[in-house]
């Protein structure tokens, strides 16, 4: 079995094994201290999936009236560093803690700025600079990010929930449900792979489309496909897709649409129907059975999910799609050609 596929299948067990660690008294002490800072704004910075993992946390904070910004670390480092001030809580996420932009950024931020690091290596450059540290505490992947991405998503949302309310019990209950759904979906990976192999035609354009909490999953998912399969997958915010990119729709398009239950659910289903009606194919990742034409639609059901944590489960069909696309293109899934696990230069 390919290492990439092994990493995918290990995710539910790896994260469930760390729930006690994430709920530990030490982590709770850190989170309480951060809540007591009463910062005017929270700024999430990272690169790639370490940026996209914070989209959900940003929604939680902004919905609660807490000013929040999620941005590429490189953009802030080179163009917007003056926008960061002492009133900000700066959250830097990096699996290695050694990404080039993160290393450069921590050297530029004055000690007066409170930095929370989310990483997998406490002794890294980020780990040593951070005033507060939340460790992912999972085994690093040999291939592209899987369980470290899930850990990042969980910890950014745990932070957001704590800043909004000190009661995290409901969050962990939803997390437990999501991990149960994740484990169940992973049990179906062979069938899902077979269905994707039969459904996705070689040479089709692949677009991953999401909104709200699903937007981070769409961004990260398309990145994983580009990285793991060397395939030029596109990613779109669902409403933006109708503003021009909808002209792409025909038999050459295969759209993976994320439809978790929530305010955007009916809009996602409507978009799926419109793409199918115009000859495109749709991989629809939804919680339950959907009344939609079976022709040109592959439905992957995840089971009921708390929308904010839906990305923990809905990323799996995207990981498996990357596996299939890599096979179609003759690549070993998840194995680097030109890059490495740690991006050490810009």
Protein backbone atom coordinates (compact mmCIF):
# COMPACT_ATOMS: atom_id res chain seq x y z
CA UNK A 1 0.00 0.00 0.00
CA UNK A 2 1.33 3.45 -0.93
CA UNK A 3 2.58 5.53 2.00
CA UNK A 4 0.21 8.32 0.98
CA UNK A 5 -2.78 6.00 1.31
CA UNK A 6 -1.50 4.70 4.65
CA UNK A 7 -1.31 8.29 5.92
CA UNK A 8 -4.90 8.92 4.82
CA UNK A 9 -6.18 5.81 6.55
CA UNK A 10 -4.34 6.62 9.80
CA UNK A 11 -6.02 9.98 10.33
CA UNK A 12 -9.00 9.05 12.51
CA UNK A 13 -6.91 6.90 14.87
CA UNK A 14 -4.06 9.41 15.03
CA UNK A 15 -6.32 12.32 15.95
CA UNK A 16 -8.48 10.35 18.38
CA UNK A 17 -5.33 9.25 20.19
CA UNK A 18 -4.50 12.93 20.79
CA UNK A 19 -7.87 14.09 22.14
CA UNK A 20 -6.68 13.70 25.72
CA UNK A 21 -3.60 15.75 24.90
CA UNK A 22 -5.64 18.53 23.26
CA UNK A 23 -7.92 18.62 26.33
CA UNK A 24 -5.04 18.52 28.79
CA UNK A 25 -4.78 20.90 31.73
CA UNK A 26 -1.61 22.36 30.20
CA UNK A 27 -3.35 23.24 26.94
CA UNK A 28 -6.36 24.59 28.81
CA UNK A 29 -4.05 26.82 30.82
CA UNK A 30 -2.57 28.21 27.60
CA UNK A 31 -5.98 28.78 26.06
CA UNK A 32 -7.30 30.48 29.19
CA UNK A 33 -4.26 32.78 29.24
CA UNK A 34 -4.91 33.71 25.61
CA UNK A 35 -8.56 34.46 26.35
CA UNK A 36 -7.52 36.69 29.24
CA UNK A 37 -5.31 38.81 26.97
CA UNK A 38 -8.39 40.52 25.53
CA UNK A 39 -6.66 41.27 22.26
CA UNK A 40 -8.50 43.48 19.80
CA UNK A 41 -7.76 41.23 16.86
CA UNK A 42 -6.63 37.69 16.07
CA UNK A 43 -4.37 37.28 13.04
CA UNK A 44 -3.87 33.77 11.60
CA UNK A 45 -0.81 33.45 9.37
CA UNK A 46 0.55 30.42 7.56
CA UNK A 47 1.44 29.06 4.15
CA UNK A 48 -0.62 26.67 2.03
CA UNK A 49 -2.75 24.32 4.11
CA UNK A 50 -1.37 25.96 7.27
CA UNK A 51 -3.14 29.09 6.07
CA UNK A 52 -6.35 27.45 4.85
CA UNK A 53 -6.82 25.45 8.08
CA UNK A 54 -7.74 28.68 9.90
CA UNK A 55 -10.66 29.67 7.66
CA UNK A 56 -13.17 27.96 9.95
CA UNK A 57 -11.69 29.50 13.10
CA UNK A 58 -11.90 32.90 11.45
CA UNK A 59 -15.62 32.42 10.81
CA UNK A 60 -16.23 31.41 14.43
CA UNK A 61 -14.47 34.52 15.71
CA UNK A 62 -15.98 36.98 13.25
CA UNK A 63 -19.49 35.62 13.90
CA UNK A 64 -18.93 36.32 17.58
CA UNK A 65 -17.84 39.88 16.87
CA UNK A 66 -14.14 39.23 17.50
CA UNK A 67 -12.08 40.88 14.78
CA UNK A 68 -10.12 38.22 12.90
CA UNK A 69 -7.91 38.08 9.84
CA UNK A 70 -6.51 35.08 7.97
CA UNK A 71 -3.65 35.74 5.59
CA UNK A 72 -0.64 34.27 3.82
CA UNK A 73 2.46 34.66 5.97
CA UNK A 74 4.42 35.75 2.91
CA UNK A 75 1.95 38.53 2.07
CA UNK A 76 2.28 39.99 5.55
CA UNK A 77 6.04 39.49 5.70
CA UNK A 78 6.80 41.37 2.48
CA UNK A 79 3.93 43.81 2.08
CA UNK A 80 1.83 44.27 5.22
CA UNK A 81 4.10 43.87 8.23
CA UNK A 82 3.21 47.36 9.46
CA UNK A 83 -0.40 46.20 9.84
CA UNK A 84 0.57 43.93 12.78
CA UNK A 85 0.63 45.60 16.19
CA UNK A 86 0.78 44.98 19.92
CA UNK A 87 -3.01 44.75 20.12
CA UNK A 88 -2.98 41.65 17.91
CA UNK A 89 -2.70 38.02 18.89
CA UNK A 90 -0.62 36.57 16.04
CA UNK A 91 -1.22 32.87 15.42
CA UNK A 92 1.51 31.28 13.30
CA UNK A 93 0.80 27.78 11.99
CA UNK A 94 3.50 25.58 10.50
CA UNK A 95 3.73 21.80 10.73
CA UNK A 96 7.53 21.91 10.80
CA UNK A 97 7.94 25.29 12.46
CA UNK A 98 10.70 25.88 9.91
CA UNK A 99 8.90 27.12 6.78
CA UNK A 100 10.92 29.88 5.16
CA UNK A 101 8.25 32.56 5.54
CA UNK A 102 7.53 31.65 9.17
CA UNK A 103 11.24 31.70 10.09
CA UNK A 104 11.64 35.10 8.46
CA UNK A 105 8.47 36.44 10.01
CA UNK A 106 9.32 35.51 13.60
CA UNK A 107 12.64 37.31 13.24
CA UNK A 108 10.77 40.47 12.20
CA UNK A 109 8.09 40.50 14.87
CA UNK A 110 9.11 42.43 17.98
CA UNK A 111 8.95 40.68 21.34
CA UNK A 112 6.10 42.98 22.35
CA UNK A 113 3.77 41.12 19.96
CA UNK A 114 2.18 38.03 21.46
CA UNK A 115 2.74 35.00 19.21
CA UNK A 116 0.88 31.70 19.48
CA UNK A 117 2.61 28.91 17.59
CA UNK A 118 0.75 25.87 16.27
CA UNK A 119 3.29 23.31 15.10
CA UNK A 120 4.43 19.73 15.44
CA UNK A 121 7.97 20.41 16.69
CA UNK A 122 8.28 22.44 19.92
CA UNK A 123 12.06 22.78 19.43
CA UNK A 124 11.64 24.38 16.00
CA UNK A 125 12.28 28.05 15.25
CA UNK A 126 8.57 28.77 15.63
CA UNK A 127 8.28 26.69 18.77
CA UNK A 128 11.13 28.56 20.45
CA UNK A 129 9.89 32.03 19.45
CA UNK A 130 6.24 31.50 20.36
CA UNK A 131 5.19 32.92 23.71
CA UNK A 132 2.37 30.36 23.68
CA UNK A 133 2.54 26.98 21.95
CA UNK A 134 -0.09 24.43 20.95
CA UNK A 135 1.54 21.25 19.69
CA UNK A 136 -0.12 19.12 16.99
CA UNK A 137 1.49 16.13 18.68
CA UNK A 138 0.97 13.73 15.76
CA UNK A 139 3.43 11.57 13.85
CA UNK A 140 4.74 13.54 10.84
CA UNK A 141 3.77 12.24 7.43
CA UNK A 142 6.34 10.96 4.97
CA UNK A 143 4.22 12.26 2.11
CA UNK A 144 2.03 15.39 1.82
CA UNK A 145 0.01 16.68 4.76
CA UNK A 146 -2.90 14.60 6.05
CA UNK A 147 -3.14 14.16 9.83
CA UNK A 148 -1.07 17.31 10.50
CA UNK A 149 -3.62 19.28 8.50
CA UNK A 150 -6.46 17.85 10.60
CA UNK A 151 -4.55 18.67 13.79
CA UNK A 152 -4.05 22.26 12.59
CA UNK A 153 -7.74 22.63 11.78
CA UNK A 154 -8.73 21.31 15.22
CA UNK A 155 -6.31 23.49 17.17
CA UNK A 156 -7.21 26.71 15.35
CA UNK A 157 -10.90 26.06 16.01
CA UNK A 158 -10.24 25.07 19.62
CA UNK A 159 -8.53 28.42 20.06
CA UNK A 160 -11.44 30.25 18.44
CA UNK A 161 -14.04 28.46 20.57
CA UNK A 162 -12.07 29.25 23.74
CA UNK A 163 -11.82 32.94 22.86
CA UNK A 164 -15.57 33.06 22.26
CA UNK A 165 -16.51 30.97 25.31
CA UNK A 166 -14.45 29.15 27.91
CA UNK A 167 -16.76 26.11 27.62
CA UNK A 168 -15.17 23.69 25.15
CA UNK A 169 -17.22 20.62 26.06
CA UNK A 170 -19.65 21.11 23.18
CA UNK A 171 -16.75 21.53 20.76
CA UNK A 172 -15.17 18.26 21.88
CA UNK A 173 -18.52 16.48 21.62
CA UNK A 174 -18.84 17.63 18.01
CA UNK A 175 -15.22 16.66 17.42
CA UNK A 176 -15.87 13.16 18.73
CA UNK A 177 -18.82 12.82 16.35
CA UNK A 178 -16.72 14.06 13.43
CA UNK A 179 -13.97 11.53 14.17
CA UNK A 180 -16.55 8.74 14.31
CA UNK A 181 -17.81 9.82 10.88
CA UNK A 182 -14.24 10.09 9.64
CA UNK A 183 -13.45 6.53 10.75
CA UNK A 184 -16.63 5.24 9.09
CA UNK A 185 -15.83 6.99 5.81
CA UNK A 186 -12.28 5.65 5.82
CA UNK A 187 -13.72 2.15 6.11
CA UNK A 188 -15.28 2.78 2.70
CA UNK A 189 -12.09 3.99 1.03
CA UNK A 190 -11.79 1.01 -1.35
CA UNK A 191 -15.32 1.51 -2.66
CA UNK A 192 -14.82 5.28 -2.93
CA UNK A 193 -11.57 4.83 -4.87
CA UNK A 194 -13.24 2.37 -7.25
CA UNK A 195 -16.15 4.78 -7.79
CA UNK A 196 -13.78 7.69 -8.47
CA UNK A 197 -11.72 5.60 -10.88
CA UNK A 198 -14.85 4.79 -12.88
CA UNK A 199 -16.29 8.31 -12.69
CA UNK A 200 -13.40 10.70 -13.36
CA UNK A 201 -12.28 10.73 -16.97
CA UNK A 202 -8.57 11.25 -17.72
CA UNK A 203 -7.92 14.76 -18.97
CA UNK A 204 -10.94 16.40 -17.35
CA UNK A 205 -10.52 19.72 -15.59
CA UNK A 206 -11.03 19.23 -11.84
CA UNK A 207 -12.44 22.04 -9.70
CA UNK A 208 -13.01 21.89 -5.93
CA UNK A 209 -15.82 24.22 -4.87
CA UNK A 210 -16.90 25.26 -1.39
CA UNK A 211 -18.27 28.14 0.66
CA UNK A 212 -18.35 29.14 4.31
CA UNK A 213 -16.63 26.52 6.43
CA UNK A 214 -16.09 24.48 3.27
CA UNK A 215 -13.98 27.16 1.60
CA UNK A 216 -10.86 26.27 3.57
CA UNK A 217 -11.42 22.62 2.64
CA UNK A 218 -11.75 23.56 -1.03
CA UNK A 219 -8.55 25.62 -0.96
CA UNK A 220 -6.57 22.98 0.93
CA UNK A 221 -8.10 20.14 -1.09
CA UNK A 222 -7.14 21.57 -4.46
CA UNK A 223 -3.65 22.20 -3.08
CA UNK A 224 -3.38 18.57 -1.96
CA UNK A 225 -4.40 17.40 -5.45
CA UNK A 226 -1.83 19.66 -7.09
CA UNK A 227 0.83 18.45 -4.67
CA UNK A 228 0.01 14.75 -4.36
CA UNK A 229 -1.05 14.09 -7.96
CA UNK A 230 0.90 16.81 -9.82
CA UNK A 231 -2.49 17.69 -11.34
CA UNK A 232 -3.58 21.31 -11.93
CA UNK A 233 -6.78 21.26 -9.85
CA UNK A 234 -8.66 24.53 -9.43
CA UNK A 235 -10.41 25.84 -6.32
CA UNK A 236 -13.32 28.26 -6.11
CA UNK A 237 -15.59 29.95 -3.62
CA UNK A 238 -19.02 28.79 -4.76
CA UNK A 239 -20.63 32.16 -5.38
CA UNK A 240 -17.51 33.40 -7.18
CA UNK A 241 -17.72 30.37 -9.46
CA UNK A 242 -20.93 31.76 -10.95
CA UNK A 243 -19.22 35.10 -11.65
CA UNK A 244 -17.33 34.06 -14.78
CA UNK A 245 -15.87 30.59 -14.14
CA UNK A 246 -19.33 29.08 -14.74
CA UNK A 247 -18.50 29.49 -18.43
CA UNK A 248 -16.07 26.58 -17.98
CA UNK A 249 -18.94 24.15 -17.49
CA UNK A 250 -19.25 21.43 -20.12
CA UNK A 251 -18.35 17.77 -20.48
CA UNK A 252 -14.68 18.58 -19.84
CA UNK A 253 -15.34 19.69 -16.23
CA UNK A 254 -15.48 17.51 -13.14
CA UNK A 255 -16.46 19.58 -10.10
CA UNK A 256 -16.11 18.31 -6.56
CA UNK A 257 -18.70 20.24 -4.55
CA UNK A 258 -18.67 20.33 -0.76
CA UNK A 259 -22.18 20.47 0.70
CA UNK A 260 -22.14 20.27 4.50
CA UNK A 261 -25.39 21.03 6.28
CA UNK A 262 -25.63 24.75 6.99
CA UNK A 263 -26.70 28.08 5.46
CA UNK A 264 -25.06 27.33 2.12
CA UNK A 265 -26.34 23.76 1.68
CA UNK A 266 -29.22 24.46 -0.72
CA UNK A 267 -27.03 26.78 -2.77
CA UNK A 268 -24.41 24.04 -3.14
CA UNK A 269 -27.01 21.52 -4.29
CA UNK A 270 -28.41 24.05 -6.77
CA UNK A 271 -24.93 24.63 -8.18
CA UNK A 272 -24.41 20.89 -8.55
CA UNK A 273 -27.68 20.56 -10.47
CA UNK A 274 -26.82 23.47 -12.75
CA UNK A 275 -23.42 21.98 -13.61
CA UNK A 276 -24.96 18.56 -14.34
CA UNK A 277 -27.68 20.11 -16.53
CA UNK A 278 -24.98 21.69 -18.68
CA UNK A 279 -23.06 18.49 -19.21
CA UNK A 280 -20.48 18.70 -16.46
CA UNK A 281 -19.74 15.98 -13.93
CA UNK A 282 -20.13 16.49 -10.17
CA UNK A 283 -18.64 14.64 -7.23
CA UNK A 284 -21.03 15.75 -4.50
CA UNK A 285 -19.75 15.37 -0.93
CA UNK A 286 -22.82 15.71 1.28
CA UNK A 287 -24.05 14.56 4.68
CA UNK A 288 -27.03 12.52 3.52
CA UNK A 289 -28.85 11.24 0.44
CA UNK A 290 -29.62 14.03 -2.05
CA UNK A 291 -32.46 14.08 -4.57
CA UNK A 292 -30.33 14.71 -7.63
CA UNK A 293 -29.96 13.16 -11.06
CA UNK A 294 -27.63 10.17 -10.86
CA UNK A 295 -26.32 10.72 -14.37
CA UNK A 296 -23.04 12.64 -14.17
CA UNK A 297 -23.21 12.78 -10.36
CA UNK A 298 -21.21 10.71 -7.89
CA UNK A 299 -22.60 11.18 -4.38
CA UNK A 300 -20.25 10.55 -1.45
CA UNK A 301 -22.13 10.58 1.86
CA UNK A 302 -20.28 11.55 5.04
CA UNK A 303 -23.08 11.22 7.60
CA UNK A 304 -24.40 14.18 9.65
CA UNK A 305 -21.69 16.67 10.58
CA UNK A 306 -21.31 19.81 12.65
CA UNK A 307 -20.60 22.30 9.88
CA UNK A 308 -17.59 23.97 11.49
CA UNK A 309 -15.78 20.60 11.70
CA UNK A 310 -17.08 19.17 8.42
CA UNK A 311 -13.66 19.67 6.83
CA UNK A 312 -12.21 16.91 9.00
CA UNK A 313 -14.33 14.41 7.07
CA UNK A 314 -14.96 16.10 3.72
CA UNK A 315 -11.24 16.35 3.00
CA UNK A 316 -11.04 12.54 2.70
CA UNK A 317 -12.80 12.22 -0.70
CA UNK A 318 -10.43 14.92 -1.97
CA UNK A 319 -7.39 13.02 -0.68
CA UNK A 320 -8.71 9.90 -2.41
CA UNK A 321 -9.41 11.83 -5.61
CA UNK A 322 -5.76 12.94 -5.57
CA UNK A 323 -4.78 9.28 -5.24
CA UNK A 324 -6.86 8.35 -8.30
CA UNK A 325 -5.60 11.28 -10.39
CA UNK A 326 -2.00 10.39 -9.57
CA UNK A 327 -2.62 6.83 -10.72
CA UNK A 328 -4.21 8.07 -13.95
CA UNK A 329 -1.18 10.27 -14.63
CA UNK A 330 1.36 7.58 -13.79
CA UNK A 331 2.70 9.22 -10.62
CA UNK A 332 3.24 7.63 -7.23
CA UNK A 333 0.74 9.52 -5.05
CA UNK A 334 2.16 12.03 -2.59
CA UNK A 335 5.83 11.57 -3.51
CA UNK A 336 7.70 14.83 -4.04
CA UNK A 337 9.55 15.56 -7.29
CA UNK A 338 10.73 19.14 -6.92
CA UNK A 339 9.61 20.11 -3.43
CA UNK A 340 10.17 18.68 0.05
CA UNK A 341 8.22 18.26 3.26
CA UNK A 342 9.65 21.54 4.58
CA UNK A 343 9.72 24.50 2.20
CA UNK A 344 12.94 26.20 3.26
CA UNK A 345 13.11 28.94 0.60
CA UNK A 346 10.70 31.37 -1.02
